[in-house]
Amino acid sequence: NGGACALGHPIGASGSRIIVTLLNALETRGLQRGIAAICIGGGEGTAIAIERVT
């Protein structure tokens, strides 16, 4: 699906870009659950688990 550079996004919008891409992939593939994760530097990271409710 392409990385951040390939997709293009404003600086500081990486998290929202990853979440929106995940939501789109879940809908396109008819899936219910997914996880988005991102490195935030300094050996740290953050993640979010999303479940679509229909």
N, C-alpha and C. Protein backbone atom coordinates (compact mmCIF):
# COMPACT_ATOMS: atom_id res chain seq x y z
N ASN A 1 0.81 -1.21 0.00
CA ASN A 1 0.00 0.00 0.00
C ASN A 1 0.84 1.26 0.00
N GLY A 2 2.15 1.12 0.01
CA GLY A 2 3.03 2.29 -0.01
C GLY A 2 3.34 2.80 1.38
N GLY A 3 4.50 3.39 1.52
CA GLY A 3 4.90 3.97 2.79
C GLY A 3 4.58 5.45 2.86
N ALA A 4 5.01 6.10 3.93
CA ALA A 4 4.70 7.51 4.15
C ALA A 4 5.20 8.39 3.03
N CYS A 5 6.42 8.15 2.55
CA CYS A 5 6.97 8.99 1.48
C CYS A 5 6.19 8.79 0.18
N ALA A 6 5.82 7.54 -0.11
CA ALA A 6 5.08 7.26 -1.34
C ALA A 6 3.68 7.85 -1.30
N LEU A 7 3.04 7.82 -0.13
CA LEU A 7 1.67 8.32 -0.01
C LEU A 7 1.63 9.84 0.07
N GLY A 8 2.62 10.43 0.70
CA GLY A 8 2.65 11.88 0.88
C GLY A 8 1.72 12.33 2.00
N HIS A 9 2.23 13.18 2.87
CA HIS A 9 1.42 13.73 3.95
C HIS A 9 2.16 14.91 4.55
N PRO A 10 1.44 15.84 5.18
CA PRO A 10 2.10 16.97 5.84
C PRO A 10 2.92 16.49 7.03
N ILE A 11 3.97 17.21 7.36
CA ILE A 11 4.79 16.87 8.53
C ILE A 11 3.90 16.89 9.77
N GLY A 12 4.04 15.90 10.61
CA GLY A 12 3.25 15.80 11.84
C GLY A 12 1.94 15.06 11.67
N ALA A 13 1.65 14.57 10.47
CA ALA A 13 0.38 13.89 10.25
C ALA A 13 0.56 12.39 10.02
N SER A 14 1.71 11.86 10.40
CA SER A 14 1.98 10.43 10.15
C SER A 14 0.97 9.53 10.84
N GLY A 15 0.66 9.81 12.09
CA GLY A 15 -0.27 8.97 12.83
C GLY A 15 -1.65 8.92 12.20
N SER A 16 -2.18 10.07 11.87
CA SER A 16 -3.52 10.10 11.26
C SER A 16 -3.49 9.46 9.88
N ARG A 17 -2.40 9.62 9.15
CA ARG A 17 -2.28 9.01 7.82
C ARG A 17 -2.29 7.49 7.92
N ILE A 18 -1.58 6.95 8.90
CA ILE A 18 -1.53 5.50 9.08
C ILE A 18 -2.90 4.96 9.49
N ILE A 19 -3.60 5.67 10.37
CA ILE A 19 -4.91 5.22 10.83
C ILE A 19 -5.93 5.25 9.69
N VAL A 20 -5.94 6.32 8.92
CA VAL A 20 -6.88 6.41 7.79
C VAL A 20 -6.60 5.33 6.76
N THR A 21 -5.32 5.05 6.50
CA THR A 21 -4.95 3.99 5.57
C THR A 21 -5.42 2.63 6.10
N LEU A 22 -5.26 2.40 7.41
CA LEU A 22 -5.74 1.16 8.01
C LEU A 22 -7.25 1.04 7.89
N LEU A 23 -7.98 2.11 8.20
CA LEU A 23 -9.44 2.07 8.09
C LEU A 23 -9.89 1.76 6.67
N ASN A 24 -9.23 2.36 5.70
CA ASN A 24 -9.55 2.10 4.29
C ASN A 24 -9.26 0.64 3.93
N ALA A 25 -8.13 0.12 4.38
CA ALA A 25 -7.78 -1.28 4.09
C ALA A 25 -8.78 -2.24 4.74
N LEU A 26 -9.21 -1.95 5.96
CA LEU A 26 -10.20 -2.81 6.62
C LEU A 26 -11.51 -2.83 5.83
N GLU A 27 -11.95 -1.66 5.40
CA GLU A 27 -13.20 -1.59 4.64
C GLU A 27 -13.07 -2.29 3.29
N THR A 28 -11.97 -2.03 2.59
CA THR A 28 -11.75 -2.62 1.26
C THR A 28 -11.71 -4.14 1.33
N ARG A 29 -11.09 -4.68 2.36
CA ARG A 29 -10.92 -6.13 2.48
C ARG A 29 -12.01 -6.81 3.29
N GLY A 30 -12.96 -6.03 3.79
CA GLY A 30 -14.06 -6.59 4.55
C GLY A 30 -13.65 -7.17 5.89
N LEU A 31 -12.63 -6.58 6.51
CA LEU A 31 -12.12 -7.07 7.79
C LEU A 31 -12.67 -6.24 8.94
N GLN A 32 -12.61 -6.78 10.14
CA GLN A 32 -13.16 -6.10 11.31
C GLN A 32 -12.11 -5.45 12.19
N ARG A 33 -10.92 -6.07 12.32
CA ARG A 33 -9.91 -5.58 13.27
C ARG A 33 -8.57 -5.36 12.59
N GLY A 34 -7.84 -4.36 13.12
CA GLY A 34 -6.50 -4.09 12.62
C GLY A 34 -5.69 -3.32 13.65
N ILE A 35 -4.38 -3.30 13.46
CA ILE A 35 -3.48 -2.59 14.37
C ILE A 35 -2.60 -1.65 13.54
N ALA A 36 -2.49 -0.40 13.99
CA ALA A 36 -1.59 0.57 13.38
C ALA A 36 -0.49 0.87 14.39
N ALA A 37 0.76 0.84 13.94
CA ALA A 37 1.90 1.11 14.84
C ALA A 37 2.85 2.08 14.16
N ILE A 38 3.53 2.88 14.97
CA ILE A 38 4.45 3.89 14.44
C ILE A 38 5.61 4.08 15.41
N CYS A 39 6.79 4.28 14.86
CA CYS A 39 7.98 4.61 15.65
C CYS A 39 7.93 6.10 15.95
N ILE A 40 8.18 6.47 17.21
CA ILE A 40 8.18 7.90 17.56
C ILE A 40 9.57 8.38 17.95
N GLY A 41 10.58 7.58 17.65
CA GLY A 41 11.97 7.98 17.90
C GLY A 41 12.43 7.68 19.31
N GLY A 42 13.74 7.66 19.49
CA GLY A 42 14.31 7.43 20.81
C GLY A 42 14.03 6.05 21.36
N GLY A 43 13.82 5.08 20.48
CA GLY A 43 13.53 3.72 20.93
C GLY A 43 12.11 3.53 21.43
N GLU A 44 11.24 4.46 21.12
CA GLU A 44 9.85 4.37 21.57
C GLU A 44 8.92 4.20 20.37
N GLY A 45 7.73 3.76 20.65
CA GLY A 45 6.72 3.61 19.62
C GLY A 45 5.34 3.65 20.25
N THR A 46 4.34 3.70 19.41
CA THR A 46 2.96 3.68 19.90
C THR A 46 2.12 2.88 18.91
N ALA A 47 1.02 2.34 19.40
CA ALA A 47 0.16 1.52 18.55
C ALA A 47 -1.29 1.72 18.97
N ILE A 48 -2.19 1.41 18.05
CA ILE A 48 -3.62 1.47 18.33
C ILE A 48 -4.29 0.28 17.66
N ALA A 49 -5.20 -0.36 18.39
CA ALA A 49 -6.00 -1.44 17.84
C ALA A 49 -7.38 -0.87 17.51
N ILE A 50 -7.85 -1.18 16.30
CA ILE A 50 -9.13 -0.63 15.83
C ILE A 50 -10.06 -1.78 15.46
N GLU A 51 -11.32 -1.66 15.87
CA GLU A 51 -12.33 -2.64 15.49
C GLU A 51 -13.49 -1.91 14.84
N ARG A 52 -13.85 -2.33 13.64
CA ARG A 52 -15.00 -1.76 12.95
C ARG A 52 -16.27 -2.38 13.51
N VAL A 53 -17.24 -1.55 13.85
CA VAL A 53 -18.51 -2.03 14.36
C VAL A 53 -19.56 -1.75 13.30
N THR A 54 -20.22 -2.81 12.86
CA THR A 54 -21.23 -2.63 11.82
C THR A 54 -22.61 -2.93 12.35
